[in-house]
Amino acid sequence: MRRLAVALAVIAALALGAGVTVAAEPLQHTGRVLISTQGDVVIPAGDHADAIVVVNGHAEVLGEVNTVLVIDGSVNLVGARAESVVAIRSQVEVGPGTVVSQEVMRLDSTVHQTGDAEIVGGVTDLAASLLAFGAMLAPALILLWLGFGLATIVWALLVAGVAGRQLREAARVVATEPVQTFLVGLGSVILLPILAILLMVTVIGAPLGVGILLAAMPLLAFAGYVVAATWIGGWIVRQASATSPEGEGRPYLPVLAGVLVLTVIGLVPVLTIVTAIASLLGFGAVVRLLFRTLRGVPRPMAGPARISTAPTGA
């Protein structure tokens, strides 16, 4: 994860550097890029590099560099020419005789300018830029989240309309045999990818393995999510209308209530484990019903498809 974050930071910083060089007369380009992790980079006087990237190290620049990027390190520019400098959690020393034709961009970093050093574009704090970017991106992310949530509700209701009886049967399996169902779901999530990879090793089995990974697993996962929603939503509906039975029709209301509850729970990081457990239960119920169907096990012929047995009495 740390390497991925560093890589993304490198790409973003180089993109920023490339963007600012358009506005000023650029230095020459030779295609030379130097990257060092946990080491030092030295650009001697009279030497040139398009970009240098230093992670957990030190950069000594005496010549010309178009873009300097340092992460968790330090950079010292003395008598140097640069177009842009990007520092992330680092220390930047802009020494005598140095000219930075654009700007020094910093994030949680310190920048010291000494002697006749010149930073034409000044020092920019990336934190403010990132906050502004986040403020612009937040509405789009919210709309995207709402779109995914609406799509999930629509597809879940479609499943409820097409396979309402199967959803109730799977929800009943979750309610009556939760431990076995959870273990089946957990084992399936582990074993199915392994089986798919083993199949992909062979030429004949490769299409089947790819189908399991790209089609079967996502479909089963979504079906398990809808089953979990039906189970949770059914309990909510019965509690809300204790005097009225849930009924045997298509479970639109339980599915809608369950999806909304799981969506809200998923917004709280510490409660995402609840959504994961519920989805594993639903996944296991779907797998168990599939095996029972393949084995030809008869389904119950009578009795309401209630998730829990209501007490009898006058």
C-alpha atoms as a PDB file:
ATOM      1  CA  MET A   1       0.000   0.000   0.000  1.00  0.00           C
ATOM      2  CA  ARG A   2       2.848   2.401   0.820  1.00  0.00           C
ATOM      3  CA  ARG A   3       4.523   1.682  -2.534  1.00  0.00           C
ATOM      4  CA  LEU A   4       1.241   2.350  -4.329  1.00  0.00           C
ATOM      5  CA  ALA A   5       0.819   5.661  -2.495  1.00  0.00           C
ATOM      6  CA  VAL A   6       4.374   6.682  -3.395  1.00  0.00           C
ATOM      7  CA  ALA A   7       3.818   5.734  -7.031  1.00  0.00           C
ATOM      8  CA  LEU A   8       0.630   7.791  -7.196  1.00  0.00           C
ATOM      9  CA  ALA A   9       2.412  10.708  -5.562  1.00  0.00           C
ATOM     10  CA  VAL A  10       5.206  10.458  -8.124  1.00  0.00           C
ATOM     11  CA  ILE A  11       2.751  10.473 -11.021  1.00  0.00           C
ATOM     12  CA  ALA A  12       0.772  13.380  -9.573  1.00  0.00           C
ATOM     13  CA  ALA A  13       3.863  15.427  -8.828  1.00  0.00           C
ATOM     14  CA  LEU A  14       5.371  14.846 -12.259  1.00  0.00           C
ATOM     15  CA  ALA A  15       2.043  15.820 -13.812  1.00  0.00           C
ATOM     16  CA  LEU A  16       2.040  19.026 -11.792  1.00  0.00           C
ATOM     17  CA  GLY A  17       5.602  19.710 -12.849  1.00  0.00           C
ATOM     18  CA  ALA A  18       4.753  19.074 -16.491  1.00  0.00           C
ATOM     19  CA  GLY A  19       1.813  21.446 -16.220  1.00  0.00           C
ATOM     20  CA  VAL A  20       3.780  24.374 -14.894  1.00  0.00           C
ATOM     21  CA  THR A  21       6.566  24.105 -17.441  1.00  0.00           C
ATOM     22  CA  VAL A  22       4.198  25.082 -20.190  1.00  0.00           C
ATOM     23  CA  ALA A  23       3.813  28.597 -18.797  1.00  0.00           C
ATOM     24  CA  ALA A  24       7.536  29.479 -18.852  1.00  0.00           C
ATOM     25  CA  GLU A  25      10.451  29.022 -21.166  1.00  0.00           C
ATOM     26  CA  PRO A  26      11.429  25.410 -20.486  1.00  0.00           C
ATOM     27  CA  LEU A  27      14.861  23.944 -20.042  1.00  0.00           C
ATOM     28  CA  GLN A  28      16.124  21.458 -22.571  1.00  0.00           C
ATOM     29  CA  HIS A  29      14.723  17.921 -22.593  1.00  0.00           C
ATOM     30  CA  THR A  30      16.967  14.904 -22.957  1.00  0.00           C
ATOM     31  CA  GLY A  31      14.630  12.187 -21.699  1.00  0.00           C
ATOM     32  CA  ARG A  32      16.908  11.475 -18.736  1.00  0.00           C
ATOM     33  CA  VAL A  33      15.040  10.561 -15.526  1.00  0.00           C
ATOM     34  CA  LEU A  34      16.802   9.512 -12.310  1.00  0.00           C
ATOM     35  CA  ILE A  35      14.905   7.605  -9.583  1.00  0.00           C
ATOM     36  CA  SER A  36      16.429   6.665  -6.235  1.00  0.00           C
ATOM     37  CA  THR A  37      14.879   4.991  -3.196  1.00  0.00           C
ATOM     38  CA  GLN A  38      16.801   5.045   0.072  1.00  0.00           C
ATOM     39  CA  GLY A  39      19.792   6.554  -1.691  1.00  0.00           C
ATOM     40  CA  ASP A  40      21.317   9.810  -2.955  1.00  0.00           C
ATOM     41  CA  VAL A  41      21.212  11.532  -6.329  1.00  0.00           C
ATOM     42  CA  VAL A  42      23.794  14.089  -7.483  1.00  0.00           C
ATOM     43  CA  ILE A  43      23.440  16.312 -10.544  1.00  0.00           C
ATOM     44  CA  PRO A  44      26.882  17.909 -11.053  1.00  0.00           C
ATOM     45  CA  ALA A  45      27.336  21.406 -12.409  1.00  0.00           C
ATOM     46  CA  GLY A  46      26.844  21.459 -16.179  1.00  0.00           C
ATOM     47  CA  ASP A  47      24.834  18.235 -16.096  1.00  0.00           C
ATOM     48  CA  HIS A  48      21.110  17.946 -16.943  1.00  0.00           C
ATOM     49  CA  ALA A  49      18.162  15.691 -16.136  1.00  0.00           C
ATOM     50  CA  ASP A  50      14.532  16.000 -17.116  1.00  0.00           C
ATOM     51  CA  ALA A  51      13.416  14.748 -13.702  1.00  0.00           C
ATOM     52  CA  ILE A  52      14.834  13.300 -10.523  1.00  0.00           C
ATOM     53  CA  VAL A  53      12.748  11.366  -8.008  1.00  0.00           C
ATOM     54  CA  VAL A  54      14.168  10.658  -4.552  1.00  0.00           C
ATOM     55  CA  VAL A  55      12.326   8.622  -1.916  1.00  0.00           C
ATOM     56  CA  ASN A  56      13.867   8.301   1.552  1.00  0.00           C
ATOM     57  CA  GLY A  57      17.114   9.840   0.327  1.00  0.00           C
ATOM     58  CA  HIS A  58      18.960  13.060  -0.517  1.00  0.00           C
ATOM     59  CA  ALA A  59      19.293  14.967  -3.786  1.00  0.00           C
ATOM     60  CA  GLU A  60      22.200  17.341  -4.460  1.00  0.00           C
ATOM     61  CA  VAL A  61      21.497  19.503  -7.512  1.00  0.00           C
ATOM     62  CA  LEU A  62      24.252  21.688  -8.945  1.00  0.00           C
ATOM     63  CA  GLY A  63      23.211  21.540 -12.596  1.00  0.00           C
ATOM     64  CA  GLU A  64      19.868  21.699 -14.430  1.00  0.00           C
ATOM     65  CA  VAL A  65      16.714  19.709 -13.669  1.00  0.00           C
ATOM     66  CA  ASN A  66      13.278  20.286 -15.110  1.00  0.00           C
ATOM     67  CA  THR A  67      11.367  18.685 -12.226  1.00  0.00           C
ATOM     68  CA  VAL A  68      12.627  17.654  -8.804  1.00  0.00           C
ATOM     69  CA  LEU A  69      10.471  15.365  -6.646  1.00  0.00           C
ATOM     70  CA  VAL A  70      11.543  14.334  -3.175  1.00  0.00           C
ATOM     71  CA  ILE A  71       9.465  12.221  -0.766  1.00  0.00           C
ATOM     72  CA  ASP A  72      10.481  11.640   2.855  1.00  0.00           C
ATOM     73  CA  GLY A  73      13.950  13.017   2.125  1.00  0.00           C
ATOM     74  CA  SER A  74      15.815  16.223   1.382  1.00  0.00           C
ATOM     75  CA  VAL A  75      17.080  18.220  -1.581  1.00  0.00           C
ATOM     76  CA  ASN A  76      19.814  20.849  -1.759  1.00  0.00           C
ATOM     77  CA  LEU A  77      20.010  23.149  -4.795  1.00  0.00           C
ATOM     78  CA  VAL A  78      23.181  25.232  -5.131  1.00  0.00           C
ATOM     79  CA  GLY A  79      23.840  27.250  -8.280  1.00  0.00           C
ATOM     80  CA  ALA A  80      21.192  25.128  -9.935  1.00  0.00           C
ATOM     81  CA  ARG A  81      18.439  25.769 -12.446  1.00  0.00           C
ATOM     82  CA  ALA A  82      15.088  24.055 -12.083  1.00  0.00           C
ATOM     83  CA  GLU A  83      11.614  24.569 -13.395  1.00  0.00           C
ATOM     84  CA  SER A  84       9.693  23.083 -10.475  1.00  0.00           C
ATOM     85  CA  VAL A  85      10.374  21.383  -7.161  1.00  0.00           C
ATOM     86  CA  VAL A  86       7.869  19.141  -5.390  1.00  0.00           C
ATOM     87  CA  ALA A  87       8.540  18.147  -1.780  1.00  0.00           C
ATOM     88  CA  ILE A  88       6.427  15.750   0.277  1.00  0.00           C
ATOM     89  CA  ARG A  89       7.392  15.400   3.946  1.00  0.00           C
ATOM     90  CA  SER A  90      10.868  16.633   3.067  1.00  0.00           C
ATOM     91  CA  GLN A  91      13.342  19.480   3.533  1.00  0.00           C
ATOM     92  CA  VAL A  92      14.256  21.793   0.632  1.00  0.00           C
ATOM     93  CA  GLU A  93      17.288  24.073   0.653  1.00  0.00           C
ATOM     94  CA  VAL A  94      17.389  26.633  -2.177  1.00  0.00           C
ATOM     95  CA  GLY A  95      20.975  27.865  -2.011  1.00  0.00           C
ATOM     96  CA  PRO A  96      22.924  30.760  -3.575  1.00  0.00           C
ATOM     97  CA  GLY A  97      22.875  31.101  -7.340  1.00  0.00           C
ATOM     98  CA  THR A  98      19.807  28.878  -7.734  1.00  0.00           C
ATOM     99  CA  VAL A  99      16.919  29.867  -9.973  1.00  0.00           C
ATOM    100  CA  VAL A 100      13.588  28.009  -9.854  1.00  0.00           C
ATOM    101  CA  SER A 101      11.734  29.373 -12.868  1.00  0.00           C
ATOM    102  CA  GLN A 102       8.305  28.242 -11.729  1.00  0.00           C
ATOM    103  CA  GLU A 103       7.503  27.289  -8.139  1.00  0.00           C
ATOM    104  CA  VAL A 104       8.310  25.069  -5.206  1.00  0.00           C
ATOM    105  CA  MET A 105       5.337  22.922  -4.203  1.00  0.00           C
ATOM    106  CA  ARG A 106       5.395  21.466  -0.736  1.00  0.00           C
ATOM    107  CA  LEU A 107       3.265  19.140   1.377  1.00  0.00           C
ATOM    108  CA  ASP A 108       4.230  18.838   5.041  1.00  0.00           C
ATOM    109  CA  SER A 109       7.696  20.094   4.104  1.00  0.00           C
ATOM    110  CA  THR A 110      10.054  22.977   4.929  1.00  0.00           C
ATOM    111  CA  VAL A 111      11.607  25.280   2.318  1.00  0.00           C
ATOM    112  CA  HIS A 112      14.640  27.486   3.083  1.00  0.00           C
ATOM    113  CA  GLN A 113      15.864  30.119   0.613  1.00  0.00           C
ATOM    114  CA  THR A 114      19.328  31.606   1.160  1.00  0.00           C
ATOM    115  CA  GLY A 115      21.617  34.103  -0.572  1.00  0.00           C
ATOM    116  CA  ASP A 116      20.556  35.346  -3.993  1.00  0.00           C
ATOM    117  CA  ALA A 117      18.417  32.282  -4.698  1.00  0.00           C
ATOM    118  CA  GLU A 118      15.294  33.077  -6.709  1.00  0.00           C
ATOM    119  CA  ILE A 119      11.968  31.237  -6.769  1.00  0.00           C
ATOM    120  CA  VAL A 120      10.040  32.995  -9.519  1.00  0.00           C
ATOM    121  CA  GLY A 121       6.665  31.364  -8.837  1.00  0.00           C
ATOM    122  CA  GLY A 122       7.048  31.362  -5.068  1.00  0.00           C
ATOM    123  CA  VAL A 123       6.285  28.537  -2.648  1.00  0.00           C
ATOM    124  CA  THR A 124       2.908  26.784  -2.952  1.00  0.00           C
ATOM    125  CA  ASP A 125       1.342  24.710  -0.194  1.00  0.00           C
ATOM    126  CA  LEU A 126      -0.137  21.594  -1.768  1.00  0.00           C
ATOM    127  CA  ALA A 127      -2.375  20.984   1.241  1.00  0.00           C
ATOM    128  CA  ALA A 128      -4.561  23.952   0.276  1.00  0.00           C
ATOM    129  CA  SER A 129      -4.659  22.784  -3.328  1.00  0.00           C
ATOM    130  CA  LEU A 130      -5.615  19.281  -2.267  1.00  0.00           C
ATOM    131  CA  LEU A 131      -8.362  20.639  -0.028  1.00  0.00           C
ATOM    132  CA  ALA A 132      -9.730  22.723  -2.891  1.00  0.00           C
ATOM    133  CA  PHE A 133      -9.558  19.719  -5.200  1.00  0.00           C
ATOM    134  CA  GLY A 134     -11.326  17.602  -2.589  1.00  0.00           C
ATOM    135  CA  ALA A 135     -14.039  20.237  -2.228  1.00  0.00           C
ATOM    136  CA  MET A 136     -14.642  20.089  -5.980  1.00  0.00           C
ATOM    137  CA  LEU A 137     -14.469  16.292  -6.064  1.00  0.00           C
ATOM    138  CA  ALA A 138     -16.737  15.671  -3.061  1.00  0.00           C
ATOM    139  CA  PRO A 139     -20.038  16.493  -4.837  1.00  0.00           C
ATOM    140  CA  ALA A 140     -19.113  14.207  -7.734  1.00  0.00           C
ATOM    141  CA  LEU A 141     -18.259  11.384  -5.328  1.00  0.00           C
ATOM    142  CA  ILE A 142     -21.541  11.890  -3.463  1.00  0.00           C
ATOM    143  CA  LEU A 143     -23.490  11.758  -6.712  1.00  0.00           C
ATOM    144  CA  LEU A 144     -21.548   8.665  -7.742  1.00  0.00           C
ATOM    145  CA  TRP A 145     -22.323   7.000  -4.404  1.00  0.00           C
ATOM    146  CA  LEU A 146     -26.006   7.884  -4.756  1.00  0.00           C
ATOM    147  CA  GLY A 147     -25.976   6.460  -8.272  1.00  0.00           C
ATOM    148  CA  PHE A 148     -24.480   3.166  -7.133  1.00  0.00           C
ATOM    149  CA  GLY A 149     -26.920   3.029  -4.221  1.00  0.00           C
ATOM    150  CA  LEU A 150     -29.904   3.633  -6.490  1.00  0.00           C
ATOM    151  CA  ALA A 151     -28.659   1.025  -8.965  1.00  0.00           C
ATOM    152  CA  THR A 152     -28.264  -1.496  -6.133  1.00  0.00           C
ATOM    153  CA  ILE A 153     -31.815  -0.845  -4.954  1.00  0.00           C
ATOM    154  CA  VAL A 154     -33.227  -1.195  -8.469  1.00  0.00           C
ATOM    155  CA  TRP A 155     -31.390  -4.460  -9.168  1.00  0.00           C
ATOM    156  CA  ALA A 156     -32.281  -5.845  -5.731  1.00  0.00           C
ATOM    157  CA  LEU A 157     -35.970  -5.084  -6.293  1.00  0.00           C
ATOM    158  CA  LEU A 158     -35.718  -6.706  -9.721  1.00  0.00           C
ATOM    159  CA  VAL A 159     -34.339  -9.860  -8.102  1.00  0.00           C
ATOM    160  CA  ALA A 160     -37.170  -9.713  -5.551  1.00  0.00           C
ATOM    161  CA  GLY A 161     -39.695  -9.588  -8.371  1.00  0.00           C
ATOM    162  CA  VAL A 162     -38.149 -12.419 -10.383  1.00  0.00           C
ATOM    163  CA  ALA A 163     -37.029 -14.752  -7.589  1.00  0.00           C
ATOM    164  CA  GLY A 164     -39.064 -13.757  -4.553  1.00  0.00           C
ATOM    165  CA  ARG A 165     -39.684 -17.337  -3.373  1.00  0.00           C
ATOM    166  CA  GLN A 166     -36.002 -18.245  -3.659  1.00  0.00           C
ATOM    167  CA  LEU A 167     -35.051 -15.154  -1.665  1.00  0.00           C
ATOM    168  CA  ARG A 168     -37.413 -16.135   1.142  1.00  0.00           C
ATOM    169  CA  GLU A 169     -36.052 -19.683   1.157  1.00  0.00           C
ATOM    170  CA  ALA A 170     -32.482 -18.431   1.334  1.00  0.00           C
ATOM    171  CA  ALA A 171     -33.395 -15.993   4.114  1.00  0.00           C
ATOM    172  CA  ARG A 172     -34.994 -18.891   6.007  1.00  0.00           C
ATOM    173  CA  VAL A 173     -31.748 -20.866   5.674  1.00  0.00           C
ATOM    174  CA  VAL A 174     -29.810 -17.934   7.156  1.00  0.00           C
ATOM    175  CA  ALA A 175     -32.238 -17.636  10.083  1.00  0.00           C
ATOM    176  CA  THR A 176     -32.469 -21.343  10.945  1.00  0.00           C
ATOM    177  CA  GLU A 177     -28.867 -22.453  10.271  1.00  0.00           C
ATOM    178  CA  PRO A 178     -26.667 -19.349  10.685  1.00  0.00           C
ATOM    179  CA  VAL A 179     -23.442 -21.065  11.773  1.00  0.00           C
ATOM    180  CA  GLN A 180     -23.407 -23.665   8.989  1.00  0.00           C
ATOM    181  CA  THR A 181     -24.404 -21.049   6.442  1.00  0.00           C
ATOM    182  CA  PHE A 182     -21.642 -18.660   7.519  1.00  0.00           C
ATOM    183  CA  LEU A 183     -19.020 -21.414   7.313  1.00  0.00           C
ATOM    184  CA  VAL A 184     -20.228 -22.407   3.846  1.00  0.00           C
ATOM    185  CA  GLY A 185     -20.069 -18.779   2.724  1.00  0.00           C
ATOM    186  CA  LEU A 186     -16.584 -18.274   4.131  1.00  0.00           C
ATOM    187  CA  GLY A 187     -15.320 -21.513   2.614  1.00  0.00           C
ATOM    188  CA  SER A 188     -16.847 -20.688  -0.759  1.00  0.00           C
ATOM    189  CA  VAL A 189     -15.232 -17.245  -0.850  1.00  0.00           C
ATOM    190  CA  ILE A 190     -11.853 -18.891  -0.216  1.00  0.00           C
ATOM    191  CA  LEU A 191     -12.165 -22.040  -2.316  1.00  0.00           C
ATOM    192  CA  LEU A 192     -13.886 -20.707  -5.444  1.00  0.00           C
ATOM    193  CA  PRO A 193     -11.011 -18.348  -6.421  1.00  0.00           C
ATOM    194  CA  ILE A 194      -8.513 -21.155  -5.769  1.00  0.00           C
ATOM    195  CA  LEU A 195     -10.540 -23.487  -7.979  1.00  0.00           C
ATOM    196  CA  ALA A 196     -10.733 -20.822 -10.692  1.00  0.00           C
ATOM    197  CA  ILE A 197      -6.963 -20.291 -10.624  1.00  0.00           C
ATOM    198  CA  LEU A 198      -6.324 -24.029 -10.847  1.00  0.00           C
ATOM    199  CA  LEU A 199      -8.654 -24.255 -13.831  1.00  0.00           C
ATOM    200  CA  MET A 200      -6.936 -21.325 -15.530  1.00  0.00           C
ATOM    201  CA  VAL A 201      -3.655 -23.211 -15.465  1.00  0.00           C
ATOM    202  CA  THR A 202      -5.058 -25.667 -18.007  1.00  0.00           C
ATOM    203  CA  VAL A 203      -5.988 -24.671 -21.540  1.00  0.00           C
ATOM    204  CA  ILE A 204      -9.354 -26.426 -21.465  1.00  0.00           C
ATOM    205  CA  GLY A 205     -10.321 -25.164 -18.026  1.00  0.00           C
ATOM    206  CA  ALA A 206      -9.139 -21.584 -18.540  1.00  0.00           C
ATOM    207  CA  PRO A 207     -12.480 -20.274 -19.897  1.00  0.00           C
ATOM    208  CA  LEU A 208     -14.313 -21.868 -16.965  1.00  0.00           C
ATOM    209  CA  GLY A 209     -11.865 -20.378 -14.476  1.00  0.00           C
ATOM    210  CA  VAL A 210     -12.216 -16.931 -15.990  1.00  0.00           C
ATOM    211  CA  GLY A 211     -15.994 -17.318 -15.946  1.00  0.00           C
ATOM    212  CA  ILE A 212     -15.931 -18.194 -12.248  1.00  0.00           C
ATOM    213  CA  LEU A 213     -13.827 -15.161 -11.380  1.00  0.00           C
ATOM    214  CA  LEU A 214     -15.477 -12.601 -13.635  1.00  0.00           C
ATOM    215  CA  ALA A 215     -19.074 -13.804 -13.740  1.00  0.00           C
ATOM    216  CA  ALA A 216     -20.019 -16.442 -11.175  1.00  0.00           C
ATOM    217  CA  MET A 217     -18.323 -14.854  -8.165  1.00  0.00           C
ATOM    218  CA  PRO A 218     -19.778 -11.343  -8.690  1.00  0.00           C
ATOM    219  CA  LEU A 219     -23.252 -12.753  -9.364  1.00  0.00           C
ATOM    220  CA  LEU A 220     -23.136 -14.967  -6.283  1.00  0.00           C
ATOM    221  CA  ALA A 221     -21.830 -12.071  -4.206  1.00  0.00           C
ATOM    222  CA  PHE A 222     -24.666  -9.799  -5.307  1.00  0.00           C
ATOM    223  CA  ALA A 223     -27.216 -12.568  -4.758  1.00  0.00           C
ATOM    224  CA  GLY A 224     -25.795 -13.116  -1.271  1.00  0.00           C
ATOM    225  CA  TYR A 225     -26.070  -9.395  -0.556  1.00  0.00           C
ATOM    226  CA  VAL A 226     -29.731  -9.395  -1.603  1.00  0.00           C
ATOM    227  CA  VAL A 227     -30.408 -12.490   0.518  1.00  0.00           C
ATOM    228  CA  ALA A 228     -28.834 -10.770   3.523  1.00  0.00           C
ATOM    229  CA  ALA A 229     -30.969  -7.696   2.823  1.00  0.00           C
ATOM    230  CA  THR A 230     -34.088  -9.871   2.612  1.00  0.00           C
ATOM    231  CA  TRP A 231     -33.252 -11.533   5.926  1.00  0.00           C
ATOM    232  CA  ILE A 232     -32.587  -8.239   7.736  1.00  0.00           C
ATOM    233  CA  GLY A 233     -35.445  -6.401   6.059  1.00  0.00           C
ATOM    234  CA  GLY A 234     -37.876  -9.230   6.806  1.00  0.00           C
ATOM    235  CA  TRP A 235     -37.058  -8.995  10.501  1.00  0.00           C
ATOM    236  CA  ILE A 236     -37.550  -5.206  10.423  1.00  0.00           C
ATOM    237  CA  VAL A 237     -40.893  -5.495   8.633  1.00  0.00           C
ATOM    238  CA  ARG A 238     -42.179  -8.067  11.141  1.00  0.00           C
ATOM    239  CA  GLN A 239     -41.087  -5.918  14.079  1.00  0.00           C
ATOM    240  CA  ALA A 240     -42.714  -2.831  12.583  1.00  0.00           C
ATOM    241  CA  SER A 241     -46.040  -4.615  11.975  1.00  0.00           C
ATOM    242  CA  ALA A 242     -46.215  -7.320  14.634  1.00  0.00           C
ATOM    243  CA  THR A 243     -49.938  -7.821  14.136  1.00  0.00           C
ATOM    244  CA  SER A 244     -49.648  -8.256  10.392  1.00  0.00           C
ATOM    245  CA  PRO A 245     -47.900 -11.280   8.861  1.00  0.00           C
ATOM    246  CA  GLU A 246     -45.126 -10.634   6.394  1.00  0.00           C
ATOM    247  CA  GLY A 247     -46.957 -12.521   3.667  1.00  0.00           C
ATOM    248  CA  GLU A 248     -45.808 -14.769   0.874  1.00  0.00           C
ATOM    249  CA  GLY A 249     -45.752 -12.326  -2.011  1.00  0.00           C
ATOM    250  CA  ARG A 250     -42.711 -10.846  -3.612  1.00  0.00           C
ATOM    251  CA  PRO A 251     -40.520  -9.405  -0.832  1.00  0.00           C
ATOM    252  CA  TYR A 252     -40.176  -5.891  -2.190  1.00  0.00           C
ATOM    253  CA  LEU A 253     -40.504  -4.160   1.179  1.00  0.00           C
ATOM    254  CA  PRO A 254     -38.084  -6.450   3.074  1.00  0.00           C
ATOM    255  CA  VAL A 255     -35.504  -6.126   0.299  1.00  0.00           C
ATOM    256  CA  LEU A 256     -35.821  -2.342   0.199  1.00  0.00           C
ATOM    257  CA  ALA A 257     -35.572  -2.035   3.974  1.00  0.00           C
ATOM    258  CA  GLY A 258     -32.622  -4.422   4.140  1.00  0.00           C
ATOM    259  CA  VAL A 259     -30.646  -2.700   1.369  1.00  0.00           C
ATOM    260  CA  LEU A 260     -31.147   0.699   3.018  1.00  0.00           C
ATOM    261  CA  VAL A 261     -30.005  -0.636   6.399  1.00  0.00           C
ATOM    262  CA  LEU A 262     -26.911  -2.319   4.947  1.00  0.00           C
ATOM    263  CA  THR A 263     -26.054   0.839   2.987  1.00  0.00           C
ATOM    264  CA  VAL A 264     -26.278   3.023   6.087  1.00  0.00           C
ATOM    265  CA  ILE A 265     -24.247   0.529   8.133  1.00  0.00           C
ATOM    266  CA  GLY A 266     -21.604   0.453   5.395  1.00  0.00           C
ATOM    267  CA  LEU A 267     -21.055   4.205   5.813  1.00  0.00           C
ATOM    268  CA  VAL A 268     -19.633   3.650   9.306  1.00  0.00           C
ATOM    269  CA  PRO A 269     -16.106   2.189   9.014  1.00  0.00           C
ATOM    270  CA  VAL A 270     -16.256   0.272  12.313  1.00  0.00           C
ATOM    271  CA  LEU A 271     -19.533  -1.354  11.292  1.00  0.00           C
ATOM    272  CA  THR A 272     -18.452  -2.580   7.860  1.00  0.00           C
ATOM    273  CA  ILE A 273     -17.706  -5.942   9.505  1.00  0.00           C
ATOM    274  CA  VAL A 274     -21.455  -6.284  10.054  1.00  0.00           C
ATOM    275  CA  THR A 275     -22.102  -5.853   6.341  1.00  0.00           C
ATOM    276  CA  ALA A 276     -19.334  -8.352   5.539  1.00  0.00           C
ATOM    277  CA  ILE A 277     -20.757 -10.980   7.906  1.00  0.00           C
ATOM    278  CA  ALA A 278     -24.274 -10.483   6.560  1.00  0.00           C
ATOM    279  CA  SER A 279     -23.027 -10.807   2.982  1.00  0.00           C
ATOM    280  CA  LEU A 280     -21.118 -13.995   3.848  1.00  0.00           C
ATOM    281  CA  LEU A 281     -24.280 -15.420   5.382  1.00  0.00           C
ATOM    282  CA  GLY A 282     -26.223 -14.584   2.241  1.00  0.00           C
ATOM    283  CA  PHE A 283     -23.448 -15.999   0.043  1.00  0.00           C
ATOM    284  CA  GLY A 284     -23.490 -19.235   2.023  1.00  0.00           C
ATOM    285  CA  ALA A 285     -27.278 -19.474   1.782  1.00  0.00           C
ATOM    286  CA  VAL A 286     -27.161 -19.095  -1.993  1.00  0.00           C
ATOM    287  CA  VAL A 287     -24.477 -21.788  -2.311  1.00  0.00           C
ATOM    288  CA  ARG A 288     -26.417 -24.165  -0.066  1.00  0.00           C
ATOM    289  CA  LEU A 289     -29.624 -23.655  -2.041  1.00  0.00           C
ATOM    290  CA  LEU A 290     -27.749 -24.281  -5.291  1.00  0.00           C
ATOM    291  CA  PHE A 291     -26.377 -27.580  -3.979  1.00  0.00           C
ATOM    292  CA  ARG A 292     -29.775 -28.596  -2.658  1.00  0.00           C
ATOM    293  CA  THR A 293     -31.349 -27.844  -6.018  1.00  0.00           C
ATOM    294  CA  LEU A 294     -28.671 -29.847  -7.853  1.00  0.00           C
ATOM    295  CA  ARG A 295     -29.155 -32.757  -5.466  1.00  0.00           C
ATOM    296  CA  GLY A 296     -32.917 -32.595  -5.907  1.00  0.00           C
ATOM    297  CA  VAL A 297     -33.714 -32.028  -2.233  1.00  0.00           C
ATOM    298  CA  PRO A 298     -37.468 -31.271  -2.022  1.00  0.00           C
ATOM    299  CA  ARG A 299     -38.528 -27.913  -0.663  1.00  0.00           C
ATOM    300  CA  PRO A 300     -41.080 -27.547   2.152  1.00  0.00           C
ATOM    301  CA  MET A 301     -44.603 -27.987   0.773  1.00  0.00           C
ATOM    302  CA  ALA A 302     -46.575 -26.159   3.407  1.00  0.00           C
ATOM    303  CA  GLY A 303     -46.291 -23.493   6.009  1.00  0.00           C
ATOM    304  CA  PRO A 304     -45.621 -19.806   5.653  1.00  0.00           C
ATOM    305  CA  ALA A 305     -42.158 -18.835   4.519  1.00  0.00           C
ATOM    306  CA  ARG A 306     -41.471 -16.972   7.741  1.00  0.00           C
ATOM    307  CA  ILE A 307     -37.895 -16.352   8.763  1.00  0.00           C
ATOM    308  CA  SER A 308     -38.709 -17.165  12.385  1.00  0.00           C
ATOM    309  CA  THR A 309     -41.540 -19.134  13.952  1.00  0.00           C
ATOM    310  CA  ALA A 310     -44.106 -16.933  15.644  1.00  0.00           C
ATOM    311  CA  PRO A 311     -45.430 -18.060  19.076  1.00  0.00           C
ATOM    312  CA  THR A 312     -48.825 -19.704  19.032  1.00  0.00           C
ATOM    313  CA  GLY A 313     -51.568 -19.156  21.490  1.00  0.00           C
ATOM    314  CA  ALA A 314     -54.963 -17.681  21.934  1.00  0.00           C
END
